[in-house]
Protein backbone atom coordinates (compact mmCIF):
# COMPACT_ATOMS: atom_id res chain seq x y z
CA ARG A 1 -51.80 -74.36 -129.26
CA ASP A 2 -49.92 -71.51 -130.85
CA ARG A 3 -51.45 -68.34 -132.18
CA ASP A 4 -50.17 -66.56 -135.24
CA VAL A 5 -49.95 -62.77 -135.49
CA THR A 6 -53.67 -62.54 -136.28
CA GLY A 7 -54.60 -64.44 -133.10
CA VAL A 8 -55.97 -67.46 -134.98
CA GLN A 9 -55.45 -70.78 -133.26
CA THR A 10 -53.22 -73.04 -135.36
CA CYS A 11 -54.35 -76.38 -133.94
CA ALA A 12 -57.29 -77.63 -136.04
CA LEU A 13 -57.99 -80.98 -134.39
CA PRO A 14 -59.93 -79.55 -131.41
CA ILE A 15 -62.05 -77.61 -133.90
CA PHE A 16 -62.76 -80.77 -135.97
CA PRO A 17 -62.88 -83.56 -133.36
CA ILE A 18 -64.08 -86.20 -135.87
CA LEU A 19 -60.54 -86.15 -137.31
CA ASN A 20 -59.25 -87.19 -133.87
CA ALA A 21 -61.72 -90.05 -133.46
CA SER A 22 -61.64 -93.82 -133.91
CA LEU A 23 -64.12 -96.45 -134.97
CA ILE A 24 -64.07 -99.03 -132.17
CA ASP A 25 -66.50 -101.98 -132.13
CA GLY A 26 -68.78 -100.22 -134.61
CA ALA A 27 -69.04 -96.99 -132.60
CA ILE A 28 -67.26 -93.66 -133.04
CA HIS A 29 -65.01 -92.86 -130.07
CA TYR A 30 -63.97 -89.20 -129.73
CA HIS A 31 -60.58 -88.96 -128.05
CA PRO A 32 -60.30 -86.33 -125.31
CA SER A 33 -56.59 -85.83 -126.06
CA ILE A 34 -54.54 -85.60 -129.23
CA HIS A 35 -51.86 -88.27 -129.42
CA LEU A 36 -50.06 -87.23 -132.59
CA GLY A 37 -48.39 -89.97 -134.64
CA ILE A 38 -45.37 -88.85 -136.66
CA ALA A 39 -44.36 -91.11 -139.54
CA VAL A 40 -40.59 -91.63 -139.55
CA ALA A 41 -38.84 -93.27 -142.48
CA LEU A 42 -36.27 -95.91 -141.56
CA GLU A 43 -33.86 -97.77 -143.77
CA GLY A 44 -36.09 -100.85 -143.79
CA GLY A 45 -39.53 -99.29 -143.54
CA LEU A 46 -41.57 -96.88 -141.46
CA ILE A 47 -42.37 -96.39 -137.78
CA VAL A 48 -44.88 -94.03 -136.14
CA PRO A 49 -43.77 -92.67 -132.76
CA VAL A 50 -46.43 -90.82 -130.77
CA ILE A 51 -46.44 -87.40 -129.13
CA ARG A 52 -48.89 -87.71 -126.26
CA GLU A 53 -51.10 -84.75 -125.26
CA ALA A 54 -49.94 -82.84 -128.34
CA GLN A 55 -52.71 -80.26 -127.87
CA GLN A 56 -50.92 -78.97 -124.77
CA ARG A 57 -47.64 -78.27 -126.56
CA SER A 58 -46.42 -75.17 -128.34
CA PHE A 59 -45.30 -75.29 -131.96
CA THR A 60 -41.67 -75.09 -130.81
CA SER A 61 -42.16 -77.95 -128.35
CA LEU A 62 -43.79 -80.09 -131.05
CA ALA A 63 -40.92 -79.41 -133.47
CA ARG A 64 -38.31 -80.35 -130.85
CA THR A 65 -40.19 -83.50 -129.86
CA ILE A 66 -40.60 -84.59 -133.49
CA ASN A 67 -36.87 -84.17 -134.01
CA GLU A 68 -36.04 -86.13 -130.83
CA LEU A 69 -38.43 -88.96 -131.69
CA ALA A 70 -37.13 -89.20 -135.26
CA LEU A 71 -33.51 -89.40 -134.06
CA ARG A 72 -34.39 -92.04 -131.46
CA ALA A 73 -36.45 -93.99 -134.01
CA ARG A 74 -33.56 -94.07 -136.48
CA SER A 75 -31.16 -95.20 -133.75
CA LYS A 76 -33.67 -97.86 -132.60
CA LYS A 77 -34.02 -96.39 -129.11
CA LEU A 78 -37.81 -96.02 -128.86
CA ASN A 79 -39.79 -97.80 -126.16
CA PRO A 80 -42.82 -99.91 -127.20
CA ASP A 81 -45.25 -97.49 -125.53
CA GLU A 82 -43.86 -94.67 -127.72
CA VAL A 83 -45.13 -96.31 -130.92
CA SER A 84 -48.73 -97.06 -129.99
CA GLY A 85 -51.90 -95.17 -129.15
CA SER A 86 -51.83 -92.40 -131.75
CA THR A 87 -55.16 -90.71 -132.54
CA PHE A 88 -54.08 -88.76 -135.67
CA THR A 89 -50.96 -89.09 -137.83
CA LEU A 90 -48.83 -86.71 -139.89
CA THR A 91 -46.65 -87.98 -142.72
CA ASN A 92 -44.31 -85.89 -144.86
CA SER A 93 -43.67 -87.18 -148.36
CA GLY A 94 -42.20 -83.77 -149.15
CA VAL A 95 -38.89 -84.62 -147.49
CA PHE A 96 -38.28 -87.06 -150.35
CA GLY A 97 -39.15 -84.50 -153.03
CA GLY A 98 -42.78 -85.50 -153.51
CA GLU A 99 -45.48 -82.90 -153.93
CA PHE A 100 -48.36 -85.28 -153.33
CA GLY A 101 -48.89 -88.52 -151.48
CA THR A 102 -51.73 -90.88 -150.71
CA PRO A 103 -51.42 -91.64 -147.01
CA ILE A 104 -52.70 -94.88 -145.52
CA ILE A 105 -54.67 -94.49 -142.30
CA ASN A 106 -53.02 -95.88 -139.19
CA GLN A 107 -56.02 -97.86 -137.84
CA PRO A 108 -58.00 -97.38 -135.68
CA GLU A 109 -57.47 -93.67 -136.44
CA SER A 110 -59.99 -91.89 -138.64
CA ALA A 111 -57.59 -89.67 -140.54
CA ILE A 112 -54.01 -88.96 -141.58
CA LEU A 113 -52.50 -85.84 -143.13
CA ALA A 114 -49.79 -86.09 -145.79
CA ILE A 115 -47.62 -83.01 -146.27
CA GLY A 116 -46.03 -82.42 -149.66
CA GLY A 117 -42.84 -80.60 -150.53
CA LEU A 118 -42.62 -76.83 -150.62
CA ARG A 119 -42.04 -75.55 -154.17
CA LYS A 120 -42.15 -72.27 -156.01
CA GLU A 121 -44.88 -72.17 -158.65
CA PRO A 122 -46.61 -69.62 -160.84
CA VAL A 123 -50.04 -68.77 -159.41
CA VAL A 124 -52.86 -66.49 -160.45
CA LEU A 125 -53.56 -63.69 -157.96
CA THR A 126 -56.73 -61.62 -158.08
CA ASP A 127 -56.70 -58.16 -156.51
CA ALA A 128 -59.63 -56.36 -154.86
CA GLU A 129 -60.75 -54.92 -158.23
CA GLY A 130 -60.85 -58.37 -159.86
CA ASN A 131 -57.65 -57.97 -161.89
CA ASP A 132 -55.58 -61.10 -162.35
CA THR A 133 -51.79 -61.27 -162.29
CA ILE A 134 -49.35 -64.16 -162.34
CA ALA A 135 -46.78 -64.31 -159.56
CA ILE A 136 -44.30 -66.81 -158.20
CA ARG A 137 -45.29 -68.09 -154.77
CA SER A 138 -44.17 -70.89 -152.49
CA MET A 139 -46.84 -73.59 -152.61
CA GLN A 140 -47.36 -76.74 -150.59
CA TYR A 141 -50.04 -79.39 -151.00
CA TYR A 142 -51.70 -81.50 -148.34
CA CYS A 143 -53.69 -84.71 -148.64
CA LEU A 144 -56.14 -85.75 -145.95
CA GLY A 145 -56.72 -89.49 -145.95
CA PHE A 146 -59.84 -90.37 -144.00
CA ASP A 147 -62.08 -93.29 -143.08
CA HIS A 148 -65.50 -92.90 -144.72
CA ARG A 149 -67.06 -94.94 -141.93
CA THR A 150 -66.46 -92.03 -139.54
CA ILE A 151 -65.92 -88.96 -141.71
CA ASP A 152 -68.30 -87.76 -144.40
CA GLY A 153 -66.45 -87.05 -147.65
CA ALA A 154 -68.35 -83.79 -148.11
CA ASP A 155 -67.07 -82.54 -144.74
CA ALA A 156 -63.48 -83.64 -145.42
CA GLY A 157 -63.49 -82.00 -148.86
CA ASP A 158 -65.08 -78.71 -147.77
CA ARG A 159 -62.30 -76.10 -147.99
CA LYS A 160 -64.12 -73.82 -145.56
CA SER A 161 -64.06 -76.51 -142.89
CA VAL A 162 -60.32 -77.17 -143.11
CA VAL A 163 -58.85 -73.73 -143.82
C-alpha cells in the first residue's frame, strides 16, 4: 500500500473487494488477502506466477518481485505453488506495442486488468473557465475483464468507482 504525494492510497482492491473475489460452488467467496497473478509471456505461451499477500507490499517491493518472477518464469525455475492460487491478475499487452487488449479471466478469479502501452496523444483539456485547448499528453488505456456472475457491469463500468 503506497501513498502518492496527495496521500491517496494506490491499492484499489481493498476498496473494491468484489474484484478480489471468486465464484466457488455457486457462492461468492471474498478473499481476505490479495494474491496477485502476473501474466508472463514465454516463448511457447503464457504463465501466471503469483505474488502472495500483495496488499502488504510497497510499490517498490511489487516491482522487484514481478521482475524476479518474470525472470524465473522465463528460465523455467518456478515452483508449482508459485503458479496457483491467484485472486486477481494483471496482464500487460502494452509491452508488445498494443494499446488495448481483451484479457481472459483466470478462473476462478472474478476479474483481470489489462494494461496497454503508454503513448503520446493529442487530448482536449478544459480549464477552470471552460476553455478548451489541445495538448500532447502521455496516455495509457486499461481494460477490466470481469465475470458478470459476480460483478455487475454497471459497477465495473462506473468511472467514479474505479478512479
